[in-house]
Amino acid sequence: MEIVVWAGAALSAIGLAGIVYSIVAVSRAKRANLPDEELRARISRILPINLGALFISMIGLMAVIIGVMAS
């Protein structure tokens, strides 16, 4: 079960990197003083990345919990 814990930790780290990327991308878009329509378009392109990163992170954390409880 140690493999499940380490695989879950890796997935959580990948998800965390995606979340950090989303935060940085949205803050850059907001600082660019774009028109409202263009800002909404950029944020709407970033949203699926953010949701995917949250999902990957959640799956990784669940794998860690399952690995720890099964040990």
C-alpha atoms as a PDB file:
ATOM      1  CA  MET A   1       0.000   0.000   0.000  1.00  0.00           C
ATOM      2  CA  GLU A   2       3.013   2.251   0.202  1.00  0.00           C
ATOM      3  CA  ILE A   3       2.851   2.645  -3.577  1.00  0.00           C
ATOM      4  CA  VAL A   4      -0.707   3.974  -3.310  1.00  0.00           C
ATOM      5  CA  VAL A   5       0.392   6.574  -0.770  1.00  0.00           C
ATOM      6  CA  TRP A   6       3.295   7.769  -2.922  1.00  0.00           C
ATOM      7  CA  ALA A   7       1.210   7.782  -6.101  1.00  0.00           C
ATOM      8  CA  GLY A   8      -1.466   9.788  -4.296  1.00  0.00           C
ATOM      9  CA  ALA A   9       1.126  12.236  -3.035  1.00  0.00           C
ATOM     10  CA  ALA A  10       2.437  12.680  -6.579  1.00  0.00           C
ATOM     11  CA  LEU A  11      -1.082  13.286  -7.894  1.00  0.00           C
ATOM     12  CA  SER A  12      -1.716  15.814  -5.136  1.00  0.00           C
ATOM     13  CA  ALA A  13       1.511  17.632  -5.999  1.00  0.00           C
ATOM     14  CA  ILE A  14       0.556  17.757  -9.686  1.00  0.00           C
ATOM     15  CA  GLY A  15      -2.877  19.086  -8.738  1.00  0.00           C
ATOM     16  CA  LEU A  16      -1.345  21.695  -6.453  1.00  0.00           C
ATOM     17  CA  ALA A  17       0.926  22.860  -9.276  1.00  0.00           C
ATOM     18  CA  GLY A  18      -2.127  23.253 -11.513  1.00  0.00           C
ATOM     19  CA  ILE A  19      -3.947  25.259  -8.862  1.00  0.00           C
ATOM     20  CA  VAL A  20      -0.947  27.555  -8.394  1.00  0.00           C
ATOM     21  CA  TYR A  21      -0.737  27.985 -12.178  1.00  0.00           C
ATOM     22  CA  SER A  22      -4.419  28.962 -12.263  1.00  0.00           C
ATOM     23  CA  ILE A  23      -3.965  31.516  -9.499  1.00  0.00           C
ATOM     24  CA  VAL A  24      -0.964  33.084 -11.226  1.00  0.00           C
ATOM     25  CA  ALA A  25      -2.678  33.143 -14.637  1.00  0.00           C
ATOM     26  CA  VAL A  26      -5.821  34.820 -13.287  1.00  0.00           C
ATOM     27  CA  SER A  27      -3.846  37.405 -11.319  1.00  0.00           C
ATOM     28  CA  ARG A  28      -1.788  38.231 -14.427  1.00  0.00           C
ATOM     29  CA  ALA A  29      -4.962  38.626 -16.455  1.00  0.00           C
ATOM     30  CA  LYS A  30      -6.460  40.947 -13.841  1.00  0.00           C
ATOM     31  CA  ARG A  31      -3.303  43.063 -13.676  1.00  0.00           C
ATOM     32  CA  ALA A  32      -3.240  43.457 -17.470  1.00  0.00           C
ATOM     33  CA  ASN A  33      -6.170  45.929 -17.322  1.00  0.00           C
ATOM     34  CA  LEU A  34      -7.993  44.167 -20.133  1.00  0.00           C
ATOM     35  CA  PRO A  35     -11.490  45.047 -21.317  1.00  0.00           C
ATOM     36  CA  ASP A  36     -14.232  43.146 -19.548  1.00  0.00           C
ATOM     37  CA  GLU A  37     -14.975  40.788 -22.463  1.00  0.00           C
ATOM     38  CA  GLU A  38     -11.334  39.803 -22.946  1.00  0.00           C
ATOM     39  CA  LEU A  39     -10.827  39.304 -19.208  1.00  0.00           C
ATOM     40  CA  ARG A  40     -13.850  37.007 -19.090  1.00  0.00           C
ATOM     41  CA  ALA A  41     -12.525  35.078 -22.092  1.00  0.00           C
ATOM     42  CA  ARG A  42      -9.129  34.531 -20.449  1.00  0.00           C
ATOM     43  CA  ILE A  43     -10.654  33.470 -17.161  1.00  0.00           C
ATOM     44  CA  SER A  44     -13.035  31.104 -18.922  1.00  0.00           C
ATOM     45  CA  ARG A  45     -10.022  29.434 -20.608  1.00  0.00           C
ATOM     46  CA  ILE A  46      -8.319  29.013 -17.219  1.00  0.00           C
ATOM     47  CA  LEU A  47     -11.386  27.618 -15.442  1.00  0.00           C
ATOM     48  CA  PRO A  48     -11.174  24.058 -16.883  1.00  0.00           C
ATOM     49  CA  ILE A  49      -7.508  23.871 -15.883  1.00  0.00           C
ATOM     50  CA  ASN A  50      -8.429  24.888 -12.356  1.00  0.00           C
ATOM     51  CA  LEU A  51     -11.256  22.360 -12.112  1.00  0.00           C
ATOM     52  CA  GLY A  52      -9.054  19.591 -13.517  1.00  0.00           C
ATOM     53  CA  ALA A  53      -6.299  20.417 -11.053  1.00  0.00           C
ATOM     54  CA  LEU A  54      -8.757  20.346  -8.162  1.00  0.00           C
ATOM     55  CA  PHE A  55     -10.048  16.962  -9.332  1.00  0.00           C
ATOM     56  CA  ILE A  56      -6.542  15.491  -9.655  1.00  0.00           C
ATOM     57  CA  SER A  57      -5.599  16.833  -6.245  1.00  0.00           C
ATOM     58  CA  MET A  58      -8.754  15.374  -4.689  1.00  0.00           C
ATOM     59  CA  ILE A  59      -8.105  11.951  -6.241  1.00  0.00           C
ATOM     60  CA  GLY A  60      -4.523  12.068  -4.954  1.00  0.00           C
ATOM     61  CA  LEU A  61      -5.611  12.931  -1.429  1.00  0.00           C
ATOM     62  CA  MET A  62      -8.175  10.130  -1.476  1.00  0.00           C
ATOM     63  CA  ALA A  63      -5.470   7.695  -2.594  1.00  0.00           C
ATOM     64  CA  VAL A  64      -3.235   8.816   0.277  1.00  0.00           C
ATOM     65  CA  ILE A  65      -6.046   8.313   2.785  1.00  0.00           C
ATOM     66  CA  ILE A  66      -6.883   4.880   1.404  1.00  0.00           C
ATOM     67  CA  GLY A  67      -3.212   3.881   1.438  1.00  0.00           C
ATOM     68  CA  VAL A  68      -2.719   5.019   5.024  1.00  0.00           C
ATOM     69  CA  MET A  69      -5.911   3.390   6.290  1.00  0.00           C
ATOM     70  CA  ALA A  70      -5.128   0.074   4.574  1.00  0.00           C
ATOM     71  CA  SER A  71      -1.618  -0.109   6.028  1.00  0.00           C
END
